[in-house]
């Protein structure tokens, strides 16, 4: 891959991460300004999708509650690993890997921002039917989940999923 190709991959990677971070922070600012923590859920699509403001002091699915500082430090390590992995593989592999890693980075940055600013992550999307509810989540969580699906797809299907072979050292000119 040429230097121009590498630059385009890095630009896409960081632009996608920044877009996710901005969308996440803007949505949380709007929710924080218009909905109260602990208030009854507001229906968006009936009972299927509701806005229910929660403060997650833990990690995924609320695990390790009250560990915002430890989770923030772990997030910094994960962010460094995402960028390092993109430098090593993302710029030489399929565009899907760059997209997945950009989504992952943006989501990690969004939730890290909350932990550093508030000591918790603001979650607000509540889905389910009746009393059967999924965990409340946010835009950053959605980006992280989407990236994990893409990464699993790449791991399982590899070249077939991407539709072409990854760029290898032998093919670089």
Foldseek 3Di string as FASTA:
>chain_A
DDPVLLVVLVVLLQVLLVVLLVQQVVVLVVCPVPDDAPDPWADDPPQFKTWHKDWQLDDPVNPPHVPLVVVLVVLVVVLVVLVVCCVVPVSQFFSLLSQLSSLLNSLSVNQSVCCVPPSTGIFTIWGDDDPDIDRTHTSSVVSNVVSVVSVVCCVVPPCVVRVHGTHDPVPDD
